[in-house]
Amino acid sequence: MRFRIIVEQDEDQNFVAECPSLPGCVSQGKTRDEAIKNIKDAIRGYLESLKKHNEPIPPSIEEETVEVNA
């Protein structure tokens, strides 16, 4: 499954990752790669909890990017 995540650097120079389609699913790391690894683990846990409680799982996304010369 694919989920959109947002990764931003905070004021302490740590990286915070969140998954907007899974409310409250947030993680962090000292590096961007660590934050991404941690958010993947958080997403897995979130999905397991949804399944355990018979809650619907949000659909996987398909996203494309385009490059525009300004």
C-alpha atoms as a PDB file:
ATOM      1  CA  MET A   1       0.000   0.000   0.000  1.00  0.00           C
ATOM      2  CA  ARG A   2       1.098   3.555  -0.626  1.00  0.00           C
ATOM      3  CA  PHE A   3       0.494   6.460   1.719  1.00  0.00           C
ATOM      4  CA  ARG A   4       1.463  10.097   1.349  1.00  0.00           C
ATOM      5  CA  ILE A   5       3.788  11.344   4.062  1.00  0.00           C
ATOM      6  CA  ILE A   6       5.111  14.782   4.904  1.00  0.00           C
ATOM      7  CA  VAL A   7       8.628  15.126   6.305  1.00  0.00           C
ATOM      8  CA  GLU A   8       9.765  18.405   7.853  1.00  0.00           C
ATOM      9  CA  GLN A   9      12.738  19.438   9.925  1.00  0.00           C
ATOM     10  CA  ASP A  10      11.847  20.911  13.319  1.00  0.00           C
ATOM     11  CA  GLU A  11      13.544  23.650  15.330  1.00  0.00           C
ATOM     12  CA  ASP A  12      15.815  21.068  17.028  1.00  0.00           C
ATOM     13  CA  GLN A  13      17.029  19.829  13.614  1.00  0.00           C
ATOM     14  CA  ASN A  14      15.141  16.523  13.986  1.00  0.00           C
ATOM     15  CA  PHE A  15      12.933  15.280  11.180  1.00  0.00           C
ATOM     16  CA  VAL A  16       9.207  14.815  11.807  1.00  0.00           C
ATOM     17  CA  ALA A  17       7.150  12.605   9.497  1.00  0.00           C
ATOM     18  CA  GLU A  18       3.385  12.384   9.409  1.00  0.00           C
ATOM     19  CA  CYS A  19       0.808  10.552   7.342  1.00  0.00           C
ATOM     20  CA  PRO A  20      -2.140  12.914   6.686  1.00  0.00           C
ATOM     21  CA  SER A  21      -4.570  10.141   5.705  1.00  0.00           C
ATOM     22  CA  LEU A  22      -4.024   8.433   9.080  1.00  0.00           C
ATOM     23  CA  PRO A  23      -4.882  11.077  11.727  1.00  0.00           C
ATOM     24  CA  GLY A  24      -2.349  11.185  14.543  1.00  0.00           C
ATOM     25  CA  CYS A  25       0.147   8.935  12.751  1.00  0.00           C
ATOM     26  CA  VAL A  26       3.377  10.841  13.373  1.00  0.00           C
ATOM     27  CA  SER A  27       6.977   9.806  13.963  1.00  0.00           C
ATOM     28  CA  GLN A  28      10.422  11.360  13.942  1.00  0.00           C
ATOM     29  CA  GLY A  29      14.123  10.679  13.554  1.00  0.00           C
ATOM     30  CA  LYS A  30      17.504  12.350  13.736  1.00  0.00           C
ATOM     31  CA  THR A  31      17.850  12.004   9.958  1.00  0.00           C
ATOM     32  CA  ARG A  32      15.335  12.110   7.114  1.00  0.00           C
ATOM     33  CA  ASP A  33      15.943   8.412   6.404  1.00  0.00           C
ATOM     34  CA  GLU A  34      15.396   7.496  10.057  1.00  0.00           C
ATOM     35  CA  ALA A  35      12.140   9.497  10.145  1.00  0.00           C
ATOM     36  CA  ILE A  36      10.911   7.705   7.018  1.00  0.00           C
ATOM     37  CA  LYS A  37      11.824   4.301   8.480  1.00  0.00           C
ATOM     38  CA  ASN A  38      10.024   5.195  11.703  1.00  0.00           C
ATOM     39  CA  ILE A  39       6.870   6.470   9.976  1.00  0.00           C
ATOM     40  CA  LYS A  40       6.677   3.207   8.011  1.00  0.00           C
ATOM     41  CA  ASP A  41       6.687   1.324  11.325  1.00  0.00           C
ATOM     42  CA  ALA A  42       4.060   3.722  12.716  1.00  0.00           C
ATOM     43  CA  ILE A  43       1.854   3.209   9.637  1.00  0.00           C
ATOM     44  CA  ARG A  44       2.106  -0.580  10.009  1.00  0.00           C
ATOM     45  CA  GLY A  45       1.054  -0.316  13.656  1.00  0.00           C
ATOM     46  CA  TYR A  46      -1.796   2.046  12.785  1.00  0.00           C
ATOM     47  CA  LEU A  47      -3.086  -0.343  10.105  1.00  0.00           C
ATOM     48  CA  GLU A  48      -2.877  -3.304  12.496  1.00  0.00           C
ATOM     49  CA  SER A  49      -4.941  -1.351  15.018  1.00  0.00           C
ATOM     50  CA  LEU A  50      -7.563  -0.496  12.376  1.00  0.00           C
ATOM     51  CA  LYS A  51      -7.822  -4.176  11.412  1.00  0.00           C
ATOM     52  CA  LYS A  52      -8.046  -5.273  15.060  1.00  0.00           C
ATOM     53  CA  HIS A  53     -10.944  -2.873  15.652  1.00  0.00           C
ATOM     54  CA  ASN A  54     -12.666  -3.668  12.329  1.00  0.00           C
ATOM     55  CA  GLU A  55     -12.189  -0.085  11.165  1.00  0.00           C
ATOM     56  CA  PRO A  56     -11.896   0.722   7.433  1.00  0.00           C
ATOM     57  CA  ILE A  57      -8.414   1.103   5.982  1.00  0.00           C
ATOM     58  CA  PRO A  58      -7.958   4.205   3.820  1.00  0.00           C
ATOM     59  CA  PRO A  59      -7.305   3.377   0.178  1.00  0.00           C
ATOM     60  CA  SER A  60      -3.804   3.336  -1.218  1.00  0.00           C
ATOM     61  CA  ILE A  61      -2.884   6.463  -3.187  1.00  0.00           C
ATOM     62  CA  GLU A  62      -1.445   6.979  -6.625  1.00  0.00           C
ATOM     63  CA  GLU A  63       0.403  10.214  -7.056  1.00  0.00           C
ATOM     64  CA  GLU A  64       2.419  11.774  -9.811  1.00  0.00           C
ATOM     65  CA  THR A  65       4.663  14.784  -9.933  1.00  0.00           C
ATOM     66  CA  VAL A  66       5.385  17.065 -12.840  1.00  0.00           C
ATOM     67  CA  GLU A  67       8.282  19.398 -13.440  1.00  0.00           C
ATOM     68  CA  VAL A  68       7.526  22.885 -14.691  1.00  0.00           C
ATOM     69  CA  ASN A  69      10.133  25.343 -15.908  1.00  0.00           C
ATOM     70  CA  ALA A  70       9.434  28.800 -14.565  1.00  0.00           C
END
